[in-house]
Amino acid sequence: MVDKTDAGLRATIEELMNAGVSANLKALDRIYHNDLKIMFLGIDGQLMMVDKPNCLTMLVETFKDKNPEDHKWAKYHEVSVSGDRGHVLISRKIPLGGPKMMIDLSIDLVFEDDRWQVIREVNFGRPDTQAA
């Protein structure tokens, strides 16, 4: 059972990352809240917003035919819990719409139904200079 601690929150994010790069829809469905909202701000200033169904579709397309082990890089900047709310600030290197990008994610989670669930992500993408 996942608990309401920083360690429990981080474990959920680790599970989320593994499920994402593997396109494990069952695990993603459990971790992503039904009211999920993702806002992605590209380097060109364009804002893309997606809900849970569109997010799941996008992850399947992004990681189709990719080796999950190639996309597990992450740098945690903050993991914090306050009651039933959690926040994670993390940077990832993932192939989003083509070449590998550095994605900075601000992830808000809520503890409902005895588990942490992602309710909102605010993401900013930029070229990964090490991948270029």
C-alpha atoms as a PDB file:
ATOM      1  CA  MET A   1       0.000   0.000   0.000  1.00  0.00           C
ATOM      2  CA  VAL A   2       1.248   3.473  -0.900  1.00  0.00           C
ATOM      3  CA  ASP A   3       1.256   5.934   1.975  1.00  0.00           C
ATOM      4  CA  LYS A   4       0.914   9.708   2.289  1.00  0.00           C
ATOM      5  CA  THR A   5       4.635  10.368   2.646  1.00  0.00           C
ATOM      6  CA  ASP A   6       7.227  11.890   0.329  1.00  0.00           C
ATOM      7  CA  ALA A   7       8.580   8.354  -0.217  1.00  0.00           C
ATOM      8  CA  GLY A   8       5.110   7.038  -1.091  1.00  0.00           C
ATOM      9  CA  LEU A   9       4.576   9.912  -3.508  1.00  0.00           C
ATOM     10  CA  ARG A  10       7.941   9.329  -5.158  1.00  0.00           C
ATOM     11  CA  ALA A  11       7.138   5.614  -5.494  1.00  0.00           C
ATOM     12  CA  THR A  12       3.965   6.550  -7.378  1.00  0.00           C
ATOM     13  CA  ILE A  13       5.935   8.795  -9.741  1.00  0.00           C
ATOM     14  CA  GLU A  14       8.427   5.964 -10.347  1.00  0.00           C
ATOM     15  CA  GLU A  15       5.502   3.665 -11.139  1.00  0.00           C
ATOM     16  CA  LEU A  16       4.036   6.342 -13.425  1.00  0.00           C
ATOM     17  CA  MET A  17       7.298   6.744 -15.339  1.00  0.00           C
ATOM     18  CA  ASN A  18       7.672   2.975 -15.805  1.00  0.00           C
ATOM     19  CA  ALA A  19       4.049   2.630 -16.903  1.00  0.00           C
ATOM     20  CA  GLY A  20       4.383   5.579 -19.283  1.00  0.00           C
ATOM     21  CA  VAL A  21       7.479   4.401 -21.148  1.00  0.00           C
ATOM     22  CA  SER A  22       5.960   0.898 -21.347  1.00  0.00           C
ATOM     23  CA  ALA A  23       2.527   2.244 -22.411  1.00  0.00           C
ATOM     24  CA  ASN A  24       0.984   0.130 -19.624  1.00  0.00           C
ATOM     25  CA  LEU A  25      -2.589   1.394 -19.926  1.00  0.00           C
ATOM     26  CA  LYS A  26      -3.883  -0.519 -16.896  1.00  0.00           C
ATOM     27  CA  ALA A  27      -1.297   1.070 -14.582  1.00  0.00           C
ATOM     28  CA  LEU A  28      -1.676   4.496 -16.195  1.00  0.00           C
ATOM     29  CA  ASP A  29      -5.447   4.353 -15.816  1.00  0.00           C
ATOM     30  CA  ARG A  30      -5.007   3.685 -12.094  1.00  0.00           C
ATOM     31  CA  ILE A  31      -2.455   6.476 -11.552  1.00  0.00           C
ATOM     32  CA  TYR A  32      -4.080   9.157 -13.699  1.00  0.00           C
ATOM     33  CA  HIS A  33      -7.164  10.698 -12.082  1.00  0.00           C
ATOM     34  CA  ASN A  34     -10.342  10.703 -14.161  1.00  0.00           C
ATOM     35  CA  ASP A  35     -10.293  14.527 -14.044  1.00  0.00           C
ATOM     36  CA  LEU A  36      -6.679  14.689 -15.292  1.00  0.00           C
ATOM     37  CA  LYS A  37      -5.630  17.881 -17.076  1.00  0.00           C
ATOM     38  CA  ILE A  38      -2.273  18.189 -18.772  1.00  0.00           C
ATOM     39  CA  MET A  39      -0.977  21.498 -20.073  1.00  0.00           C
ATOM     40  CA  PHE A  40       2.087  21.314 -22.297  1.00  0.00           C
ATOM     41  CA  LEU A  41       3.867  24.535 -23.239  1.00  0.00           C
ATOM     42  CA  GLY A  42       6.242  24.067 -26.153  1.00  0.00           C
ATOM     43  CA  ILE A  43       9.376  26.083 -26.793  1.00  0.00           C
ATOM     44  CA  ASP A  44       7.459  27.897 -29.550  1.00  0.00           C
ATOM     45  CA  GLY A  45       4.958  29.179 -26.961  1.00  0.00           C
ATOM     46  CA  GLN A  46       2.148  26.934 -28.170  1.00  0.00           C
ATOM     47  CA  LEU A  47      -0.077  25.508 -25.446  1.00  0.00           C
ATOM     48  CA  MET A  48      -1.514  22.029 -25.856  1.00  0.00           C
ATOM     49  CA  MET A  49      -4.068  20.749 -23.362  1.00  0.00           C
ATOM     50  CA  VAL A  50      -5.083  17.101 -23.038  1.00  0.00           C
ATOM     51  CA  ASP A  51      -7.399  15.085 -20.843  1.00  0.00           C
ATOM     52  CA  LYS A  52      -6.950  11.524 -19.608  1.00  0.00           C
ATOM     53  CA  PRO A  53      -8.158   9.658 -22.721  1.00  0.00           C
ATOM     54  CA  ASN A  54      -6.034  11.817 -25.031  1.00  0.00           C
ATOM     55  CA  CYS A  55      -3.035  11.470 -22.725  1.00  0.00           C
ATOM     56  CA  LEU A  56      -3.273   7.678 -22.798  1.00  0.00           C
ATOM     57  CA  THR A  57      -3.538   7.686 -26.597  1.00  0.00           C
ATOM     58  CA  MET A  58      -0.545  10.013 -26.877  1.00  0.00           C
ATOM     59  CA  LEU A  59       1.602   7.818 -24.593  1.00  0.00           C
ATOM     60  CA  VAL A  60       0.785   4.686 -26.589  1.00  0.00           C
ATOM     61  CA  GLU A  61       1.764   6.460 -29.829  1.00  0.00           C
ATOM     62  CA  THR A  62       4.907   8.033 -28.337  1.00  0.00           C
ATOM     63  CA  PHE A  63       6.354   4.806 -26.937  1.00  0.00           C
ATOM     64  CA  LYS A  64       5.173   2.354 -29.604  1.00  0.00           C
ATOM     65  CA  ASP A  65       8.194   0.373 -30.854  1.00  0.00           C
ATOM     66  CA  LYS A  66      10.532   2.084 -28.361  1.00  0.00           C
ATOM     67  CA  ASN A  67      12.742   0.428 -25.744  1.00  0.00           C
ATOM     68  CA  PRO A  68      11.416   1.553 -22.327  1.00  0.00           C
ATOM     69  CA  GLU A  69      14.922   1.379 -20.813  1.00  0.00           C
ATOM     70  CA  ASP A  70      16.042   4.192 -23.153  1.00  0.00           C
ATOM     71  CA  HIS A  71      13.571   6.661 -21.625  1.00  0.00           C
ATOM     72  CA  LYS A  72      13.851   6.340 -17.851  1.00  0.00           C
ATOM     73  CA  TRP A  73      16.176   9.285 -17.199  1.00  0.00           C
ATOM     74  CA  ALA A  74      14.759  11.635 -14.563  1.00  0.00           C
ATOM     75  CA  LYS A  75      15.985  14.353 -12.239  1.00  0.00           C
ATOM     76  CA  TYR A  76      13.843  15.132  -9.198  1.00  0.00           C
ATOM     77  CA  HIS A  77      13.800  18.764  -8.057  1.00  0.00           C
ATOM     78  CA  GLU A  78      11.080  18.504  -5.402  1.00  0.00           C
ATOM     79  CA  VAL A  79       8.770  15.896  -3.874  1.00  0.00           C
ATOM     80  CA  SER A  80       6.386  17.148  -1.191  1.00  0.00           C
ATOM     81  CA  VAL A  81       3.233  16.023   0.567  1.00  0.00           C
ATOM     82  CA  SER A  82       0.711  18.164   2.423  1.00  0.00           C
ATOM     83  CA  GLY A  83      -2.165  16.054   3.704  1.00  0.00           C
ATOM     84  CA  ASP A  84      -4.031  14.572   0.733  1.00  0.00           C
ATOM     85  CA  ARG A  85      -2.116  16.695  -1.781  1.00  0.00           C
ATOM     86  CA  GLY A  86       1.252  16.037  -3.321  1.00  0.00           C
ATOM     87  CA  HIS A  87       3.542  17.873  -5.703  1.00  0.00           C
ATOM     88  CA  VAL A  88       6.498  16.692  -7.761  1.00  0.00           C
ATOM     89  CA  LEU A  89       8.811  18.857  -9.841  1.00  0.00           C
ATOM     90  CA  ILE A  90      10.870  16.693 -12.168  1.00  0.00           C
ATOM     91  CA  SER A  91      12.792  16.854 -15.440  1.00  0.00           C
ATOM     92  CA  ARG A  92      12.651  14.005 -17.973  1.00  0.00           C
ATOM     93  CA  LYS A  93      14.238  13.206 -21.319  1.00  0.00           C
ATOM     94  CA  ILE A  94      11.625  11.648 -23.567  1.00  0.00           C
ATOM     95  CA  PRO A  95      10.797  11.494 -27.303  1.00  0.00           C
ATOM     96  CA  LEU A  96       7.802  13.772 -27.596  1.00  0.00           C
ATOM     97  CA  GLY A  97       6.587  14.103 -31.152  1.00  0.00           C
ATOM     98  CA  GLY A  98       9.956  13.194 -32.634  1.00  0.00           C
ATOM     99  CA  PRO A  99      13.437  13.774 -31.219  1.00  0.00           C
ATOM    100  CA  LYS A 100      14.271  13.398 -27.548  1.00  0.00           C
ATOM    101  CA  MET A 101      13.223  16.474 -25.576  1.00  0.00           C
ATOM    102  CA  MET A 102      13.919  17.727 -22.069  1.00  0.00           C
ATOM    103  CA  ILE A 103      10.532  18.005 -20.389  1.00  0.00           C
ATOM    104  CA  ASP A 104      10.158  19.856 -17.085  1.00  0.00           C
ATOM    105  CA  LEU A 105       7.025  18.649 -15.296  1.00  0.00           C
ATOM    106  CA  SER A 106       5.135  20.162 -12.389  1.00  0.00           C
ATOM    107  CA  ILE A 107       2.849  17.345 -11.256  1.00  0.00           C
ATOM    108  CA  ASP A 108      -0.024  17.747  -8.784  1.00  0.00           C
ATOM    109  CA  LEU A 109      -1.424  14.621  -7.160  1.00  0.00           C
ATOM    110  CA  VAL A 110      -4.330  13.875  -4.865  1.00  0.00           C
ATOM    111  CA  PHE A 111      -4.600  10.930  -2.461  1.00  0.00           C
ATOM    112  CA  GLU A 112      -7.977   9.300  -3.210  1.00  0.00           C
ATOM    113  CA  ASP A 113      -9.191   5.703  -3.094  1.00  0.00           C
ATOM    114  CA  ASP A 114      -6.115   4.680  -1.050  1.00  0.00           C
ATOM    115  CA  ARG A 115      -3.636   5.784  -3.711  1.00  0.00           C
ATOM    116  CA  TRP A 116      -1.891   8.801  -5.195  1.00  0.00           C
ATOM    117  CA  GLN A 117      -3.436   9.983  -8.470  1.00  0.00           C
ATOM    118  CA  VAL A 118      -2.125  12.595 -10.898  1.00  0.00           C
ATOM    119  CA  ILE A 119      -4.756  15.296 -11.298  1.00  0.00           C
ATOM    120  CA  ARG A 120      -2.729  17.952 -13.148  1.00  0.00           C
ATOM    121  CA  GLU A 121       0.544  18.265 -15.010  1.00  0.00           C
ATOM    122  CA  VAL A 122       2.066  21.471 -16.281  1.00  0.00           C
ATOM    123  CA  ASN A 123       4.890  20.619 -18.675  1.00  0.00           C
ATOM    124  CA  PHE A 124       7.452  22.681 -20.555  1.00  0.00           C
ATOM    125  CA  GLY A 125       9.428  21.110 -23.391  1.00  0.00           C
ATOM    126  CA  ARG A 126      12.770  22.183 -24.806  1.00  0.00           C
ATOM    127  CA  PRO A 127      15.420  20.511 -26.942  1.00  0.00           C
ATOM    128  CA  ASP A 128      17.665  18.102 -25.084  1.00  0.00           C
ATOM    129  CA  THR A 129      21.102  19.495 -25.943  1.00  0.00           C
ATOM    130  CA  GLN A 130      22.799  16.240 -24.905  1.00  0.00           C
ATOM    131  CA  ALA A 131      20.586  14.278 -27.302  1.00  0.00           C
ATOM    132  CA  ALA A 132      21.116  16.673 -30.226  1.00  0.00           C
END
